[in-house]
Amino acid sequence: MLIQIITTIVVLFLITRVGGRLKRREITFKEALFWALLWFGVGIVVLYPKLADRVASYIGLQTATGIDLVVYIAVGLAFYLIFRLFVHIERVERDITKIIRHLALKDEE
């Protein structure tokens, strides 16, 4: 019961942080919606763990519990976010290279 209370408080804090970042325009509405739904989902699973069990059995994970489903989703989401970060970093590096080349050619003139 204590872990549910602590996790609920953390989830509410994180949702308010997402709202604050959206308000300061540090993230887009789409990103804010994604993170708010993610944290809301975490809150639902914490408050209603049997719901995750039912969803896991509905999906076809007969021997798995709801927490297994949550872990599978978390790992998949982590890989997706790592991929997005990789693509973003590659694009930033490419842009920096273009800028440096442009500045080097401009200084040469």
Protein backbone atom coordinates (compact mmCIF):
# COMPACT_ATOMS: atom_id res chain seq x y z
CA MET A 1 0.00 0.00 0.00
CA LEU A 2 2.84 2.40 0.82
CA ILE A 3 4.47 1.82 -2.57
CA GLN A 4 1.18 2.72 -4.26
CA ILE A 5 0.99 6.00 -2.38
CA ILE A 6 4.61 6.91 -3.10
CA THR A 7 4.33 5.95 -6.77
CA THR A 8 1.07 7.88 -7.17
CA ILE A 9 2.71 10.99 -5.70
CA VAL A 10 5.70 10.59 -8.03
CA VAL A 11 3.40 10.07 -11.05
CA LEU A 12 1.38 13.19 -10.20
CA PHE A 13 4.62 15.15 -9.79
CA LEU A 14 5.90 13.94 -13.16
CA ILE A 15 2.62 14.81 -14.90
CA THR A 16 2.80 18.33 -13.47
CA ARG A 17 6.41 18.59 -14.69
CA VAL A 18 5.26 17.61 -18.18
CA GLY A 19 2.58 20.29 -18.00
CA GLY A 20 5.14 22.85 -16.87
CA ARG A 21 7.50 22.02 -19.71
CA LEU A 22 4.63 22.28 -22.18
CA LYS A 23 3.65 25.65 -20.76
CA ARG A 24 7.24 26.92 -21.12
CA ARG A 25 7.25 25.47 -24.66
CA GLU A 26 10.23 23.23 -23.90
CA ILE A 27 8.35 20.29 -25.43
CA THR A 28 5.68 20.03 -28.09
CA PHE A 29 2.06 19.16 -27.42
CA LYS A 30 2.62 15.76 -29.02
CA GLU A 31 5.55 15.03 -26.70
CA ALA A 32 3.61 16.25 -23.68
CA LEU A 33 0.67 14.04 -24.59
CA PHE A 34 2.97 11.04 -24.98
CA TRP A 35 4.65 11.55 -21.60
CA ALA A 36 1.41 12.40 -19.80
CA LEU A 37 -0.24 9.24 -21.15
CA LEU A 38 2.81 7.19 -20.22
CA TRP A 39 2.83 8.45 -16.63
CA PHE A 40 -0.95 8.15 -16.42
CA GLY A 41 -0.62 4.52 -17.54
CA VAL A 42 2.01 3.89 -14.87
CA GLY A 43 -0.36 5.34 -12.28
CA ILE A 44 -3.23 3.12 -13.44
CA VAL A 45 -1.06 -0.02 -13.29
CA VAL A 46 0.14 0.91 -9.80
CA LEU A 47 -3.37 1.60 -8.51
CA TYR A 48 -4.99 -1.37 -10.28
CA PRO A 49 -2.38 -4.12 -10.69
CA LYS A 50 -5.03 -6.76 -11.49
CA LEU A 51 -5.92 -4.75 -14.60
CA ALA A 52 -2.43 -5.39 -15.97
CA ASP A 53 -2.91 -9.12 -15.26
CA ARG A 54 -6.15 -9.13 -17.23
CA VAL A 55 -4.60 -7.25 -20.15
CA ALA A 56 -1.64 -9.68 -20.16
CA SER A 57 -3.93 -12.69 -20.33
CA TYR A 58 -6.08 -11.02 -23.00
CA ILE A 59 -3.00 -10.39 -25.15
CA GLY A 60 -2.05 -14.04 -24.83
CA LEU A 61 0.59 -14.08 -22.11
CA GLN A 62 -1.02 -16.98 -20.20
CA THR A 63 1.94 -17.75 -17.97
CA ALA A 64 2.87 -14.11 -17.50
CA THR A 65 1.59 -11.69 -14.94
CA GLY A 66 0.70 -8.07 -15.51
CA ILE A 67 4.10 -6.94 -14.36
CA ASP A 68 5.69 -9.04 -17.11
CA LEU A 69 3.58 -7.18 -19.65
CA VAL A 70 4.65 -3.87 -18.13
CA VAL A 71 8.31 -4.89 -18.34
CA TYR A 72 7.92 -5.99 -21.97
CA ILE A 73 6.33 -2.66 -22.87
CA ALA A 74 8.96 -0.72 -20.90
CA VAL A 75 11.83 -2.49 -22.66
CA GLY A 76 10.25 -1.93 -26.06
CA LEU A 77 9.64 1.71 -25.26
CA ALA A 78 13.22 2.12 -24.02
CA PHE A 79 14.58 0.68 -27.27
CA TYR A 80 12.32 2.97 -29.29
CA LEU A 81 13.43 6.05 -27.34
CA ILE A 82 17.10 5.05 -27.68
CA PHE A 83 16.58 4.72 -31.43
CA ARG A 84 14.99 8.18 -31.59
CA LEU A 85 17.87 9.66 -29.58
CA PHE A 86 20.38 7.99 -31.90
CA VAL A 87 18.67 9.43 -34.98
CA HIS A 88 18.48 12.87 -33.38
CA ILE A 89 22.16 12.83 -32.38
CA GLU A 90 23.18 11.76 -35.88
CA ARG A 91 21.17 14.63 -37.38
CA VAL A 92 22.70 17.15 -34.96
CA GLU A 93 26.21 15.89 -35.77
CA ARG A 94 25.49 16.20 -39.50
CA ASP A 95 24.18 19.74 -39.04
CA ILE A 96 27.20 20.75 -36.94
CA THR A 97 29.53 19.36 -39.62
CA LYS A 98 27.73 21.40 -42.31
CA ILE A 99 27.96 24.56 -40.21
CA ILE A 100 31.65 24.05 -39.46
CA ARG A 101 32.42 23.43 -43.13
CA HIS A 102 30.49 26.55 -44.12
CA LEU A 103 32.31 28.66 -41.52
CA ALA A 104 35.69 27.24 -42.53
CA LEU A 105 35.06 28.06 -46.20
CA LYS A 106 33.77 31.51 -45.29
CA ASP A 107 36.87 32.26 -43.16
CA GLU A 108 39.11 31.15 -46.01
CA GLU A 109 37.67 33.79 -48.35
